[in-house]
Amino acid sequence: MAGSGQIDMNYLIGVSGGHMNVNGVAGRGTKSSFLMLRFILMLLEAERQAKKPGHPNRMQVVSHNIKCQRL
């Protein structure tokens, strides 16, 4: 362990944060395909914003998968 950390919940789930839940029929691959496309689009936007130094509202992408290790 590197040490303790803090998470600002107002930033994570407040006016500066967002979340998305995806559900549907298991085994069709549509949820995974949708999420992979979403990740690509979010990462491209984060990369575009990173090229603007000092931008106060730059996007940061955080992803959690609690179901399995495959995604």
PDB file of N, CA and C in Angstrom:
ATOM      1  N   MET A   1       0.831  -1.178   0.000  1.00  0.00           N
ATOM      2  CA  MET A   1       0.000   0.000   0.000  1.00  0.00           C
ATOM      3  C   MET A   1       0.877   1.242   0.000  1.00  0.00           C
ATOM      4  N   ALA A   2       0.417   2.258  -0.691  1.00  0.00           N
ATOM      5  CA  ALA A   2       1.154   3.510  -0.768  1.00  0.00           C
ATOM      6  C   ALA A   2       0.743   4.474   0.328  1.00  0.00           C
ATOM      7  N   GLY A   3      -0.346   4.234   0.991  1.00  0.00           N
ATOM      8  CA  GLY A   3      -0.828   5.133   2.031  1.00  0.00           C
ATOM      9  C   GLY A   3      -2.313   5.373   1.889  1.00  0.00           C
ATOM     10  N   SER A   4      -2.813   6.206   2.755  1.00  0.00           N
ATOM     11  CA  SER A   4      -4.245   6.472   2.731  1.00  0.00           C
ATOM     12  C   SER A   4      -4.602   7.430   1.603  1.00  0.00           C
ATOM     13  N   GLY A   5      -5.838   7.406   1.221  1.00  0.00           N
ATOM     14  CA  GLY A   5      -6.329   8.296   0.170  1.00  0.00           C
ATOM     15  C   GLY A   5      -7.660   8.880   0.579  1.00  0.00           C
ATOM     16  N   GLN A   6      -8.043   9.927  -0.100  1.00  0.00           N
ATOM     17  CA  GLN A   6      -9.321  10.570   0.174  1.00  0.00           C
ATOM     18  C   GLN A   6     -10.104  10.690  -1.120  1.00  0.00           C
ATOM     19  N   ILE A   7     -11.396  10.525  -1.027  1.00  0.00           N
ATOM     20  CA  ILE A   7     -12.278  10.710  -2.168  1.00  0.00           C
ATOM     21  C   ILE A   7     -13.272  11.798  -1.810  1.00  0.00           C
ATOM     22  N   ASP A   8     -13.304  12.842  -2.615  1.00  0.00           N
ATOM     23  CA  ASP A   8     -14.271  13.911  -2.425  1.00  0.00           C
ATOM     24  C   ASP A   8     -15.591  13.459  -3.036  1.00  0.00           C
ATOM     25  N   MET A   9     -16.541  13.057  -2.188  1.00  0.00           N
ATOM     26  CA  MET A   9     -17.806  12.530  -2.682  1.00  0.00           C
ATOM     27  C   MET A   9     -18.621  13.588  -3.420  1.00  0.00           C
ATOM     28  N   ASN A  10     -18.480  14.857  -3.055  1.00  0.00           N
ATOM     29  CA  ASN A  10     -19.174  15.911  -3.795  1.00  0.00           C
ATOM     30  C   ASN A  10     -18.696  15.954  -5.233  1.00  0.00           C
ATOM     31  N   TYR A  11     -17.408  15.750  -5.441  1.00  0.00           N
ATOM     32  CA  TYR A  11     -16.871  15.724  -6.803  1.00  0.00           C
ATOM     33  C   TYR A  11     -17.282  14.448  -7.522  1.00  0.00           C
ATOM     34  N   LEU A  12     -17.225  13.319  -6.813  1.00  0.00           N
ATOM     35  CA  LEU A  12     -17.492  12.027  -7.436  1.00  0.00           C
ATOM     36  C   LEU A  12     -18.954  11.871  -7.842  1.00  0.00           C
ATOM     37  N   ILE A  13     -19.876  12.230  -6.962  1.00  0.00           N
ATOM     38  CA  ILE A  13     -21.294  12.030  -7.264  1.00  0.00           C
ATOM     39  C   ILE A  13     -22.096  13.324  -7.229  1.00  0.00           C
ATOM     40  N   GLY A  14     -21.427  14.445  -7.112  1.00  0.00           N
ATOM     41  CA  GLY A  14     -22.116  15.726  -7.033  1.00  0.00           C
ATOM     42  C   GLY A  14     -22.295  16.369  -8.392  1.00  0.00           C
ATOM     43  N   VAL A  15     -22.342  17.679  -8.385  1.00  0.00           N
ATOM     44  CA  VAL A  15     -22.609  18.428  -9.617  1.00  0.00           C
ATOM     45  C   VAL A  15     -21.476  18.283 -10.631  1.00  0.00           C
ATOM     46  N   SER A  16     -20.288  17.908 -10.169  1.00  0.00           N
ATOM     47  CA  SER A  16     -19.155  17.773 -11.083  1.00  0.00           C
ATOM     48  C   SER A  16     -18.958  16.342 -11.561  1.00  0.00           C
ATOM     49  N   GLY A  17     -19.793  15.420 -11.117  1.00  0.00           N
ATOM     50  CA  GLY A  17     -19.612  14.016 -11.478  1.00  0.00           C
ATOM     51  C   GLY A  17     -20.808  13.475 -12.229  1.00  0.00           C
ATOM     52  N   GLY A  18     -20.668  12.282 -12.712  1.00  0.00           N
ATOM     53  CA  GLY A  18     -21.765  11.622 -13.410  1.00  0.00           C
ATOM     54  C   GLY A  18     -21.578  10.121 -13.345  1.00  0.00           C
ATOM     55  N   HIS A  19     -22.625   9.391 -13.634  1.00  0.00           N
ATOM     56  CA  HIS A  19     -22.513   7.940 -13.654  1.00  0.00           C
ATOM     57  C   HIS A  19     -23.471   7.382 -14.693  1.00  0.00           C
ATOM     58  N   MET A  20     -23.251   6.138 -15.030  1.00  0.00           N
ATOM     59  CA  MET A  20     -24.095   5.466 -16.015  1.00  0.00           C
ATOM     60  C   MET A  20     -24.196   3.999 -15.619  1.00  0.00           C
ATOM     61  N   ASN A  21     -25.402   3.494 -15.563  1.00  0.00           N
ATOM     62  CA  ASN A  21     -25.645   2.070 -15.334  1.00  0.00           C
ATOM     63  C   ASN A  21     -26.149   1.468 -16.635  1.00  0.00           C
ATOM     64  N   VAL A  22     -25.694   0.259 -16.942  1.00  0.00           N
ATOM     65  CA  VAL A  22     -26.114  -0.432 -18.163  1.00  0.00           C
ATOM     66  C   VAL A  22     -26.653  -1.798 -17.753  1.00  0.00           C
ATOM     67  N   ASN A  23     -27.851  -2.129 -18.229  1.00  0.00           N
ATOM     68  CA  ASN A  23     -28.387  -3.460 -17.960  1.00  0.00           C
ATOM     69  C   ASN A  23     -29.062  -3.997 -19.206  1.00  0.00           C
ATOM     70  N   GLY A  24     -29.343  -5.257 -19.208  1.00  0.00           N
ATOM     71  CA  GLY A  24     -29.970  -5.887 -20.361  1.00  0.00           C
ATOM     72  C   GLY A  24     -29.855  -7.394 -20.282  1.00  0.00           C
ATOM     73  N   VAL A  25     -30.185  -8.071 -21.364  1.00  0.00           N
ATOM     74  CA  VAL A  25     -30.175  -9.531 -21.428  1.00  0.00           C
ATOM     75  C   VAL A  25     -28.732 -10.031 -21.428  1.00  0.00           C
ATOM     76  N   ALA A  26     -28.459 -11.036 -20.626  1.00  0.00           N
ATOM     77  CA  ALA A  26     -27.112 -11.595 -20.535  1.00  0.00           C
ATOM     78  C   ALA A  26     -26.772 -12.414 -21.775  1.00  0.00           C
ATOM     79  N   GLY A  27     -25.484 -12.417 -22.139  1.00  0.00           N
ATOM     80  CA  GLY A  27     -24.987 -13.302 -23.180  1.00  0.00           C
ATOM     81  C   GLY A  27     -25.094 -12.799 -24.605  1.00  0.00           C
ATOM     82  N   ARG A  28     -25.561 -11.614 -24.827  1.00  0.00           N
ATOM     83  CA  ARG A  28     -25.709 -11.109 -26.193  1.00  0.00           C
ATOM     84  C   ARG A  28     -24.541 -10.217 -26.629  1.00  0.00           C
ATOM     85  N   GLY A  29     -23.773  -9.720 -25.676  1.00  0.00           N
ATOM     86  CA  GLY A  29     -22.637  -8.863 -26.005  1.00  0.00           C
ATOM     87  C   GLY A  29     -22.988  -7.416 -26.278  1.00  0.00           C
ATOM     88  N   THR A  30     -24.268  -7.079 -26.189  1.00  0.00           N
ATOM     89  CA  THR A  30     -24.660  -5.703 -26.518  1.00  0.00           C
ATOM     90  C   THR A  30     -24.235  -4.719 -25.439  1.00  0.00           C
ATOM     91  N   LYS A  31     -24.306  -5.124 -24.170  1.00  0.00           N
ATOM     92  CA  LYS A  31     -23.883  -4.229 -23.081  1.00  0.00           C
ATOM     93  C   LYS A  31     -22.387  -3.956 -23.186  1.00  0.00           C
ATOM     94  N   SER A  32     -21.613  -5.014 -23.397  1.00  0.00           N
ATOM     95  CA  SER A  32     -20.160  -4.848 -23.509  1.00  0.00           C
ATOM     96  C   SER A  32     -19.790  -3.990 -24.714  1.00  0.00           C
ATOM     97  N   SER A  33     -20.460  -4.220 -25.837  1.00  0.00           N
ATOM     98  CA  SER A  33     -20.182  -3.425 -27.040  1.00  0.00           C
ATOM     99  C   SER A  33     -20.517  -1.963 -26.807  1.00  0.00           C
ATOM    100  N   PHE A  34     -21.659  -1.714 -26.185  1.00  0.00           N
ATOM    101  CA  PHE A  34     -22.057  -0.340 -25.888  1.00  0.00           C
ATOM    102  C   PHE A  34     -21.050   0.326 -24.959  1.00  0.00           C
ATOM    103  N   LEU A  35     -20.643  -0.386 -23.904  1.00  0.00           N
ATOM    104  CA  LEU A  35     -19.698   0.197 -22.946  1.00  0.00           C
ATOM    105  C   LEU A  35     -18.335   0.459 -23.584  1.00  0.00           C
ATOM    106  N   MET A  36     -17.859  -0.441 -24.420  1.00  0.00           N
ATOM    107  CA  MET A  36     -16.579  -0.224 -25.078  1.00  0.00           C
ATOM    108  C   MET A  36     -16.635   1.008 -25.981  1.00  0.00           C
ATOM    109  N   LEU A  37     -17.728   1.178 -26.713  1.00  0.00           N
ATOM    110  CA  LEU A  37     -17.888   2.374 -27.537  1.00  0.00           C
ATOM    111  C   LEU A  37     -17.926   3.618 -26.669  1.00  0.00           C
ATOM    112  N   ARG A  38     -18.657   3.573 -25.557  1.00  0.00           N
ATOM    113  CA  ARG A  38     -18.733   4.717 -24.637  1.00  0.00           C
ATOM    114  C   ARG A  38     -17.350   5.048 -24.093  1.00  0.00           C
ATOM    115  N   PHE A  39     -16.595   4.036 -23.693  1.00  0.00           N
ATOM    116  CA  PHE A  39     -15.248   4.272 -23.158  1.00  0.00           C
ATOM    117  C   PHE A  39     -14.364   4.948 -24.198  1.00  0.00           C
ATOM    118  N   ILE A  40     -14.428   4.455 -25.424  1.00  0.00           N
ATOM    119  CA  ILE A  40     -13.604   5.041 -26.486  1.00  0.00           C
ATOM    120  C   ILE A  40     -13.965   6.504 -26.687  1.00  0.00           C
ATOM    121  N   LEU A  41     -15.261   6.795 -26.756  1.00  0.00           N
ATOM    122  CA  LEU A  41     -15.693   8.188 -26.953  1.00  0.00           C
ATOM    123  C   LEU A  41     -15.300   9.077 -25.781  1.00  0.00           C
ATOM    124  N   MET A  42     -15.437   8.571 -24.549  1.00  0.00           N
ATOM    125  CA  MET A  42     -15.052   9.373 -23.384  1.00  0.00           C
ATOM    126  C   MET A  42     -13.546   9.601 -23.340  1.00  0.00           C
ATOM    127  N   LEU A  43     -12.766   8.568 -23.655  1.00  0.00           N
ATOM    128  CA  LEU A  43     -11.313   8.730 -23.643  1.00  0.00           C
ATOM    129  C   LEU A  43     -10.843   9.678 -24.744  1.00  0.00           C
ATOM    130  N   LEU A  44     -11.476   9.645 -25.899  1.00  0.00           N
ATOM    131  CA  LEU A  44     -11.131  10.585 -26.968  1.00  0.00           C
ATOM    132  C   LEU A  44     -11.436  12.020 -26.545  1.00  0.00           C
ATOM    133  N   GLU A  45     -12.568  12.223 -25.886  1.00  0.00           N
ATOM    134  CA  GLU A  45     -12.912  13.568 -25.407  1.00  0.00           C
ATOM    135  C   GLU A  45     -11.957  14.021 -24.310  1.00  0.00           C
ATOM    136  N   ALA A  46     -11.593  13.116 -23.397  1.00  0.00           N
ATOM    137  CA  ALA A  46     -10.638  13.462 -22.343  1.00  0.00           C
ATOM    138  C   ALA A  46      -9.284  13.822 -22.953  1.00  0.00           C
ATOM    139  N   GLU A  47      -8.872  13.089 -23.973  1.00  0.00           N
ATOM    140  CA  GLU A  47      -7.605  13.384 -24.654  1.00  0.00           C
ATOM    141  C   GLU A  47      -7.662  14.750 -25.339  1.00  0.00           C
ATOM    142  N   ARG A  48      -8.796  15.066 -25.975  1.00  0.00           N
ATOM    143  CA  ARG A  48      -8.969  16.363 -26.634  1.00  0.00           C
ATOM    144  C   ARG A  48      -8.904  17.495 -25.609  1.00  0.00           C
ATOM    145  N   GLN A  49      -9.564  17.303 -24.472  1.00  0.00           N
ATOM    146  CA  GLN A  49      -9.554  18.330 -23.438  1.00  0.00           C
ATOM    147  C   GLN A  49      -8.179  18.480 -22.794  1.00  0.00           C
ATOM    148  N   ALA A  50      -7.412  17.394 -22.721  1.00  0.00           N
ATOM    149  CA  ALA A  50      -6.084  17.450 -22.112  1.00  0.00           C
ATOM    150  C   ALA A  50      -5.129  18.329 -22.915  1.00  0.00           C
ATOM    151  N   LYS A  51      -5.440  18.540 -24.179  1.00  0.00           N
ATOM    152  CA  LYS A  51      -4.587  19.386 -25.022  1.00  0.00           C
ATOM    153  C   LYS A  51      -4.813  20.872 -24.752  1.00  0.00           C
ATOM    154  N   LYS A  52      -5.790  21.196 -23.899  1.00  0.00           N
ATOM    155  CA  LYS A  52      -6.070  22.580 -23.525  1.00  0.00           C
ATOM    156  C   LYS A  52      -5.550  22.807 -22.114  1.00  0.00           C
ATOM    157  N   PRO A  53      -4.302  23.211 -21.951  1.00  0.00           N
ATOM    158  CA  PRO A  53      -3.743  23.363 -20.602  1.00  0.00           C
ATOM    159  C   PRO A  53      -4.509  24.411 -19.803  1.00  0.00           C
ATOM    160  N   GLY A  54      -4.704  24.119 -18.538  1.00  0.00           N
ATOM    161  CA  GLY A  54      -5.363  25.051 -17.645  1.00  0.00           C
ATOM    162  C   GLY A  54      -6.877  25.057 -17.740  1.00  0.00           C
ATOM    163  N   HIS A  55      -7.450  24.170 -18.533  1.00  0.00           N
ATOM    164  CA  HIS A  55      -8.912  24.099 -18.641  1.00  0.00           C
ATOM    165  C   HIS A  55      -9.460  23.620 -17.295  1.00  0.00           C
ATOM    166  N   PRO A  56     -10.305  24.420 -16.620  1.00  0.00           N
ATOM    167  CA  PRO A  56     -10.705  24.081 -15.247  1.00  0.00           C
ATOM    168  C   PRO A  56     -11.655  22.896 -15.142  1.00  0.00           C
ATOM    169  N   ASN A  57     -12.335  22.546 -16.202  1.00  0.00           N
ATOM    170  CA  ASN A  57     -13.333  21.475 -16.131  1.00  0.00           C
ATOM    171  C   ASN A  57     -12.976  20.296 -17.027  1.00  0.00           C
ATOM    172  N   ARG A  58     -11.699  19.950 -17.066  1.00  0.00           N
ATOM    173  CA  ARG A  58     -11.283  18.831 -17.915  1.00  0.00           C
ATOM    174  C   ARG A  58     -11.914  17.529 -17.455  1.00  0.00           C
ATOM    175  N   MET A  59     -12.307  16.709 -18.418  1.00  0.00           N
ATOM    176  CA  MET A  59     -12.937  15.427 -18.131  1.00  0.00           C
ATOM    177  C   MET A  59     -11.899  14.427 -17.637  1.00  0.00           C
ATOM    178  N   GLN A  60     -12.274  13.652 -16.634  1.00  0.00           N
ATOM    179  CA  GLN A  60     -11.476  12.542 -16.140  1.00  0.00           C
ATOM    180  C   GLN A  60     -12.360  11.304 -16.207  1.00  0.00           C
ATOM    181  N   VAL A  61     -11.844  10.202 -16.697  1.00  0.00           N
ATOM    182  CA  VAL A  61     -12.630   8.982 -16.866  1.00  0.00           C
ATOM    183  C   VAL A  61     -12.228   7.978 -15.791  1.00  0.00           C
ATOM    184  N   VAL A  62     -13.214   7.498 -15.033  1.00  0.00           N
ATOM    185  CA  VAL A  62     -13.010   6.455 -14.020  1.00  0.00           C
ATOM    186  C   VAL A  62     -14.030   5.366 -14.296  1.00  0.00           C
ATOM    187  N   SER A  63     -13.582   4.137 -14.351  1.00  0.00           N
ATOM    188  CA  SER A  63     -14.481   3.021 -14.647  1.00  0.00           C
ATOM    189  C   SER A  63     -14.336   1.939 -13.583  1.00  0.00           C
ATOM    190  N   HIS A  64     -15.454   1.372 -13.187  1.00  0.00           N
ATOM    191  CA  HIS A  64     -15.460   0.262 -12.233  1.00  0.00           C
ATOM    192  C   HIS A  64     -16.290  -0.873 -12.824  1.00  0.00           C
ATOM    193  N   ASN A  65     -15.752  -2.071 -12.787  1.00  0.00           N
ATOM    194  CA  ASN A  65     -16.467  -3.262 -13.218  1.00  0.00           C
ATOM    195  C   ASN A  65     -16.503  -4.221 -12.038  1.00  0.00           C
ATOM    196  N   ILE A  66     -17.699  -4.463 -11.507  1.00  0.00           N
ATOM    197  CA  ILE A  66     -17.786  -5.301 -10.314  1.00  0.00           C
ATOM    198  C   ILE A  66     -18.324  -6.694 -10.620  1.00  0.00           C
ATOM    199  N   LYS A  67     -18.615  -6.977 -11.864  1.00  0.00           N
ATOM    200  CA  LYS A  67     -19.220  -8.264 -12.211  1.00  0.00           C
ATOM    201  C   LYS A  67     -18.203  -9.344 -12.545  1.00  0.00           C
ATOM    202  N   CYS A  68     -17.212  -9.023 -13.385  1.00  0.00           N
ATOM    203  CA  CYS A  68     -16.266 -10.053 -13.802  1.00  0.00           C
ATOM    204  C   CYS A  68     -14.961  -9.404 -14.252  1.00  0.00           C
ATOM    205  N   GLN A  69     -13.989 -10.210 -14.585  1.00  0.00           N
ATOM    206  CA  GLN A  69     -12.673  -9.699 -14.974  1.00  0.00           C
ATOM    207  C   GLN A  69     -12.541  -9.526 -16.477  1.00  0.00           C
ATOM    208  N   ARG A  70     -13.525  -9.908 -17.257  1.00  0.00           N
ATOM    209  CA  ARG A  70     -13.379  -9.916 -18.716  1.00  0.00           C
ATOM    210  C   ARG A  70     -13.510  -8.546 -19.354  1.00  0.00           C
ATOM    211  N   LEU A  71     -14.248  -7.635 -18.770  1.00  0.00           N
ATOM    212  CA  LEU A  71     -14.491  -6.352 -19.409  1.00  0.00           C
ATOM    213  C   LEU A  71     -13.320  -5.411 -19.245  1.00  0.00           C
TER     214      LEU A  71
END
